[in-house]
Amino acid sequence: MRSEAAAMPDSEKDQFLYPYRSFHGEETLPNLMFDANLQEFSQRVGMICALENGGKIAPQDAYREIKQLWHKLKASKESILGQGENS
């Protein structure tokens, strides 16, 4: 018996695993770049949470990975948008 994922073409798998929403805001290159980083952060956090909920990784490991991703996102915001806010 084949799973639905196995029967799905690669493009549909990519759309399912990596959904993309349209950008809402001022369409400048820095804004679009940061939006792409933000979407990647969101997707990765979702996958990490799913792995933790499924018992595949420990909660401490999930926390550590999400914290690292957060620091990378924050650094990208400061680099791309030039904002050093404490948020």
Foldseek 3Di string as FASTA:
>chain_A
DDDPLVVDDPVVNCCVLQPDDDDDDPDDPLVVVLVVLVSVLVSVLVVLVVCCVVVNDPPVVSVVVNVVSVVVSLVSCCVSVVDDDPD
